[in-house]
Amino acid sequence: MVTRLSAAVYGMATAPTVAPEQSKQVTTKPYPNYKVIVLNDDFNTFQHVAECLMKYIPGMTSDRAWDLTNQVHYEGQAIVWIGPQEPAELYHQQLRRAGLTMAPLEAA
């Protein structure tokens, strides 16, 4: 005795399945920027903070370094640099090694 099973039992479609055409557009998403933030503390002098900013942050002027140092002191923190993750990690590490109190890196 031969039993014939329908196509539905085997899960086969009666017509071929056509996959939707894939989009050829490529969406680019920029890498996030990161903030390097110096925190106020009770042991670094204004002079030391300003000198570290000028030494380790590219393009930092004396006037800008002193403005940021005052912001750290009076507001408790200052964002001293924003940019791609790899240089942000480097500047953060250099400032921390110089003795500044640093907030963790955070995405901008």
N, C-alpha and C. Protein backbone atom coordinates (compact mmCIF):
# COMPACT_ATOMS: atom_id res chain seq x y z
N MET A 1 0.85 -1.15 0.00
CA MET A 1 0.00 0.00 0.00
C MET A 1 0.91 1.23 0.00
N VAL A 2 0.73 2.11 -0.96
CA VAL A 2 1.53 3.32 -1.12
C VAL A 2 0.66 4.50 -0.75
N THR A 3 1.17 5.32 0.19
CA THR A 3 0.44 6.51 0.61
C THR A 3 1.17 7.71 0.06
N ARG A 4 0.43 8.56 -0.56
CA ARG A 4 1.04 9.79 -1.07
C ARG A 4 0.78 10.92 -0.08
N LEU A 5 1.86 11.62 0.24
CA LEU A 5 1.73 12.75 1.16
C LEU A 5 1.71 14.03 0.34
N SER A 6 0.90 14.93 0.78
CA SER A 6 0.79 16.20 0.05
C SER A 6 2.06 17.03 0.26
N ALA A 7 2.25 18.04 -0.58
CA ALA A 7 3.40 18.94 -0.48
C ALA A 7 3.40 19.67 0.85
N ALA A 8 2.24 19.94 1.41
CA ALA A 8 2.15 20.66 2.68
C ALA A 8 2.78 19.87 3.82
N VAL A 9 2.68 18.56 3.78
CA VAL A 9 3.25 17.73 4.82
C VAL A 9 4.77 17.88 4.85
N TYR A 10 5.36 18.00 3.69
CA TYR A 10 6.81 18.16 3.61
C TYR A 10 7.24 19.62 3.74
N GLY A 11 6.30 20.53 3.82
CA GLY A 11 6.62 21.94 3.96
C GLY A 11 7.10 22.56 2.67
N MET A 12 6.79 21.96 1.56
CA MET A 12 7.24 22.52 0.29
C MET A 12 6.15 23.42 -0.26
N ALA A 13 6.58 24.52 -0.80
CA ALA A 13 5.64 25.44 -1.41
C ALA A 13 5.35 24.96 -2.82
N THR A 14 4.17 25.30 -3.29
CA THR A 14 3.82 24.88 -4.64
C THR A 14 4.42 25.80 -5.69
N ALA A 15 4.79 27.03 -5.28
CA ALA A 15 5.43 27.97 -6.19
C ALA A 15 6.78 28.35 -5.59
N PRO A 16 7.77 28.64 -6.43
CA PRO A 16 9.09 29.00 -5.88
C PRO A 16 9.01 30.32 -5.10
N THR A 17 9.82 30.40 -4.04
CA THR A 17 9.89 31.60 -3.23
C THR A 17 10.93 32.53 -3.83
N VAL A 18 10.57 33.79 -3.98
CA VAL A 18 11.51 34.77 -4.53
C VAL A 18 11.93 35.70 -3.40
N ALA A 19 13.23 35.77 -3.17
CA ALA A 19 13.76 36.64 -2.11
C ALA A 19 13.65 38.09 -2.58
N PRO A 20 13.32 39.00 -1.65
CA PRO A 20 13.24 40.41 -2.04
C PRO A 20 14.62 40.91 -2.45
N GLU A 21 14.64 41.84 -3.38
CA GLU A 21 15.90 42.39 -3.86
C GLU A 21 16.54 43.18 -2.72
N GLN A 22 17.82 42.95 -2.52
CA GLN A 22 18.52 43.65 -1.45
C GLN A 22 18.90 45.06 -1.89
N SER A 23 18.82 45.95 -0.94
CA SER A 23 19.16 47.34 -1.21
C SER A 23 20.66 47.45 -1.44
N LYS A 24 21.03 48.27 -2.40
CA LYS A 24 22.44 48.46 -2.69
C LYS A 24 22.98 49.70 -1.99
N GLN A 25 22.15 50.37 -1.19
CA GLN A 25 22.60 51.55 -0.47
C GLN A 25 23.39 51.13 0.76
N VAL A 26 24.47 51.84 0.98
CA VAL A 26 25.29 51.61 2.17
C VAL A 26 25.09 52.80 3.09
N THR A 27 24.71 52.51 4.30
CA THR A 27 24.52 53.57 5.28
C THR A 27 25.78 53.68 6.11
N THR A 28 26.38 54.85 6.12
CA THR A 28 27.56 55.04 6.95
C THR A 28 27.15 55.75 8.23
N LYS A 29 27.71 55.29 9.30
CA LYS A 29 27.43 55.88 10.61
C LYS A 29 28.77 56.32 11.19
N PRO A 30 28.90 57.58 11.54
CA PRO A 30 30.19 58.04 12.07
C PRO A 30 30.48 57.44 13.44
N TYR A 31 31.76 57.29 13.72
CA TYR A 31 32.15 56.83 15.04
C TYR A 31 31.80 57.92 16.06
N PRO A 32 31.43 57.52 17.27
CA PRO A 32 31.08 58.55 18.27
C PRO A 32 32.33 59.27 18.75
N ASN A 33 32.15 60.51 19.15
CA ASN A 33 33.23 61.26 19.79
C ASN A 33 33.17 61.00 21.28
N TYR A 34 34.28 61.24 21.94
CA TYR A 34 34.38 61.05 23.39
C TYR A 34 34.84 62.32 24.06
N LYS A 35 34.38 62.53 25.29
CA LYS A 35 34.73 63.72 26.07
C LYS A 35 35.82 63.38 27.07
N VAL A 36 36.85 64.21 27.12
CA VAL A 36 37.89 64.11 28.13
C VAL A 36 37.56 65.18 29.17
N ILE A 37 37.27 64.74 30.40
CA ILE A 37 36.79 65.64 31.45
C ILE A 37 37.73 65.62 32.64
N VAL A 38 38.19 66.81 33.01
CA VAL A 38 39.03 66.96 34.21
C VAL A 38 38.12 67.38 35.37
N LEU A 39 38.33 66.74 36.53
CA LEU A 39 37.54 67.04 37.72
C LEU A 39 38.35 67.86 38.72
N ASN A 40 37.65 68.63 39.50
CA ASN A 40 38.29 69.40 40.56
C ASN A 40 38.77 68.46 41.66
N ASP A 41 39.86 68.83 42.31
CA ASP A 41 40.35 68.08 43.46
C ASP A 41 41.02 69.06 44.43
N ASP A 42 41.48 68.55 45.56
CA ASP A 42 42.06 69.41 46.59
C ASP A 42 43.58 69.42 46.59
N PHE A 43 44.22 68.82 45.59
CA PHE A 43 45.68 68.73 45.65
C PHE A 43 46.41 69.24 44.43
N ASN A 44 45.78 69.38 43.26
CA ASN A 44 46.46 69.93 42.09
C ASN A 44 46.34 71.45 42.08
N THR A 45 47.45 72.11 41.79
CA THR A 45 47.44 73.57 41.73
C THR A 45 46.90 74.03 40.38
N PHE A 46 46.45 75.27 40.34
CA PHE A 46 46.00 75.86 39.08
C PHE A 46 47.11 75.77 38.04
N GLN A 47 48.32 76.10 38.46
CA GLN A 47 49.48 76.10 37.56
C GLN A 47 49.69 74.71 36.95
N HIS A 48 49.64 73.67 37.79
CA HIS A 48 49.87 72.30 37.31
C HIS A 48 48.79 71.89 36.31
N VAL A 49 47.54 72.18 36.62
CA VAL A 49 46.44 71.80 35.72
C VAL A 49 46.61 72.50 34.37
N ALA A 50 46.86 73.80 34.39
CA ALA A 50 47.02 74.56 33.14
C ALA A 50 48.21 74.04 32.34
N GLU A 51 49.32 73.76 33.00
CA GLU A 51 50.50 73.26 32.30
C GLU A 51 50.24 71.88 31.68
N CYS A 52 49.54 71.02 32.39
CA CYS A 52 49.21 69.69 31.84
C CYS A 52 48.32 69.81 30.61
N LEU A 53 47.33 70.69 30.67
CA LEU A 53 46.45 70.87 29.52
C LEU A 53 47.24 71.36 28.31
N MET A 54 48.15 72.29 28.51
CA MET A 54 48.96 72.80 27.40
C MET A 54 49.93 71.73 26.87
N LYS A 55 50.42 70.89 27.77
CA LYS A 55 51.39 69.86 27.37
C LYS A 55 50.73 68.71 26.60
N TYR A 56 49.55 68.28 27.03
CA TYR A 56 48.98 67.05 26.48
C TYR A 56 47.82 67.23 25.51
N ILE A 57 47.15 68.35 25.54
CA ILE A 57 46.01 68.54 24.63
C ILE A 57 46.49 69.34 23.41
N PRO A 58 46.43 68.76 22.22
CA PRO A 58 46.93 69.44 21.02
C PRO A 58 46.21 70.77 20.78
N GLY A 59 46.98 71.78 20.43
CA GLY A 59 46.41 73.08 20.10
C GLY A 59 45.93 73.89 21.29
N MET A 60 46.20 73.42 22.49
CA MET A 60 45.74 74.13 23.69
C MET A 60 46.59 75.38 23.90
N THR A 61 45.93 76.52 23.96
CA THR A 61 46.62 77.78 24.22
C THR A 61 46.67 78.04 25.72
N SER A 62 47.52 78.94 26.11
CA SER A 62 47.62 79.31 27.51
C SER A 62 46.31 79.90 28.02
N ASP A 63 45.72 80.80 27.23
CA ASP A 63 44.45 81.41 27.64
C ASP A 63 43.35 80.37 27.81
N ARG A 64 43.25 79.46 26.86
CA ARG A 64 42.21 78.41 26.93
C ARG A 64 42.47 77.49 28.12
N ALA A 65 43.73 77.13 28.35
CA ALA A 65 44.08 76.26 29.47
C ALA A 65 43.68 76.91 30.79
N TRP A 66 43.93 78.20 30.94
CA TRP A 66 43.58 78.89 32.18
C TRP A 66 42.06 79.02 32.33
N ASP A 67 41.36 79.26 31.22
CA ASP A 67 39.88 79.30 31.28
C ASP A 67 39.33 77.95 31.75
N LEU A 68 39.87 76.87 31.19
CA LEU A 68 39.40 75.53 31.58
C LEU A 68 39.78 75.21 33.03
N THR A 69 40.97 75.63 33.44
CA THR A 69 41.40 75.40 34.82
C THR A 69 40.46 76.11 35.79
N ASN A 70 40.08 77.33 35.48
CA ASN A 70 39.12 78.05 36.32
C ASN A 70 37.76 77.36 36.32
N GLN A 71 37.36 76.85 35.17
CA GLN A 71 36.08 76.13 35.10
C GLN A 71 36.13 74.88 35.98
N VAL A 72 37.24 74.14 35.92
CA VAL A 72 37.40 72.96 36.78
C VAL A 72 37.24 73.37 38.24
N HIS A 73 37.90 74.44 38.64
CA HIS A 73 37.87 74.87 40.04
C HIS A 73 36.48 75.35 40.48
N TYR A 74 35.87 76.21 39.68
CA TYR A 74 34.62 76.84 40.12
C TYR A 74 33.37 76.03 39.80
N GLU A 75 33.42 75.18 38.77
CA GLU A 75 32.23 74.39 38.40
C GLU A 75 32.39 72.90 38.73
N GLY A 76 33.59 72.50 39.14
CA GLY A 76 33.80 71.11 39.54
C GLY A 76 34.33 70.22 38.44
N GLN A 77 34.24 70.67 37.20
CA GLN A 77 34.74 69.87 36.08
C GLN A 77 34.76 70.72 34.81
N ALA A 78 35.53 70.23 33.83
CA ALA A 78 35.55 70.89 32.52
C ALA A 78 35.85 69.85 31.46
N ILE A 79 35.16 69.96 30.35
CA ILE A 79 35.47 69.14 29.18
C ILE A 79 36.64 69.82 28.49
N VAL A 80 37.78 69.12 28.44
CA VAL A 80 38.99 69.74 27.90
C VAL A 80 39.28 69.33 26.46
N TRP A 81 38.61 68.28 25.99
CA TRP A 81 38.81 67.83 24.61
C TRP A 81 37.65 66.92 24.23
N ILE A 82 37.22 67.00 22.97
CA ILE A 82 36.21 66.09 22.43
C ILE A 82 36.70 65.61 21.07
N GLY A 83 36.63 64.31 20.86
CA GLY A 83 37.06 63.77 19.57
C GLY A 83 36.99 62.26 19.56
N PRO A 84 37.63 61.64 18.55
CA PRO A 84 37.60 60.18 18.40
C PRO A 84 38.14 59.44 19.62
N GLN A 85 37.70 58.20 19.77
CA GLN A 85 38.01 57.43 20.97
C GLN A 85 39.50 57.23 21.21
N GLU A 86 40.25 56.87 20.18
CA GLU A 86 41.66 56.53 20.41
C GLU A 86 42.48 57.72 20.96
N PRO A 87 42.43 58.90 20.33
CA PRO A 87 43.16 60.02 20.94
C PRO A 87 42.56 60.44 22.28
N ALA A 88 41.25 60.30 22.44
CA ALA A 88 40.63 60.64 23.74
C ALA A 88 41.21 59.76 24.84
N GLU A 89 41.38 58.48 24.55
CA GLU A 89 41.97 57.56 25.54
C GLU A 89 43.40 57.97 25.88
N LEU A 90 44.16 58.36 24.85
CA LEU A 90 45.54 58.78 25.07
C LEU A 90 45.60 60.02 25.95
N TYR A 91 44.85 61.07 25.61
CA TYR A 91 44.89 62.31 26.39
C TYR A 91 44.41 62.08 27.82
N HIS A 92 43.38 61.27 27.96
CA HIS A 92 42.85 60.93 29.29
C HIS A 92 43.93 60.26 30.13
N GLN A 93 44.61 59.30 29.54
CA GLN A 93 45.65 58.57 30.26
C GLN A 93 46.84 59.48 30.60
N GLN A 94 47.22 60.34 29.68
CA GLN A 94 48.35 61.24 29.94
C GLN A 94 48.02 62.20 31.08
N LEU A 95 46.83 62.76 31.06
CA LEU A 95 46.43 63.70 32.12
C LEU A 95 46.32 62.99 33.46
N ARG A 96 45.78 61.78 33.45
CA ARG A 96 45.66 61.00 34.69
C ARG A 96 47.04 60.67 35.25
N ARG A 97 47.96 60.27 34.38
CA ARG A 97 49.32 59.95 34.83
C ARG A 97 50.06 61.16 35.36
N ALA A 98 49.67 62.34 34.88
CA ALA A 98 50.27 63.59 35.37
C ALA A 98 49.68 64.00 36.71
N GLY A 99 48.70 63.23 37.19
CA GLY A 99 48.15 63.47 38.52
C GLY A 99 46.81 64.18 38.55
N LEU A 100 46.25 64.51 37.37
CA LEU A 100 44.95 65.17 37.38
C LEU A 100 43.85 64.15 37.70
N THR A 101 42.79 64.64 38.29
CA THR A 101 41.64 63.79 38.61
C THR A 101 40.72 63.80 37.40
N MET A 102 40.48 62.62 36.85
CA MET A 102 39.75 62.51 35.59
C MET A 102 38.42 61.77 35.78
N ALA A 103 37.41 62.25 35.07
CA ALA A 103 36.15 61.51 34.98
C ALA A 103 36.36 60.40 33.95
N PRO A 104 35.59 59.32 34.03
CA PRO A 104 35.69 58.29 33.00
C PRO A 104 35.34 58.89 31.63
N LEU A 105 35.95 58.35 30.58
CA LEU A 105 35.60 58.79 29.23
C LEU A 105 34.12 58.53 29.01
N GLU A 106 33.46 59.46 28.32
CA GLU A 106 32.07 59.22 27.99
C GLU A 106 31.81 59.68 26.56
N ALA A 107 30.88 59.00 25.91
CA ALA A 107 30.53 59.36 24.55
C ALA A 107 29.89 60.73 24.54
N ALA A 108 30.26 61.50 23.54
CA ALA A 108 29.73 62.87 23.43
C ALA A 108 28.34 62.86 22.83
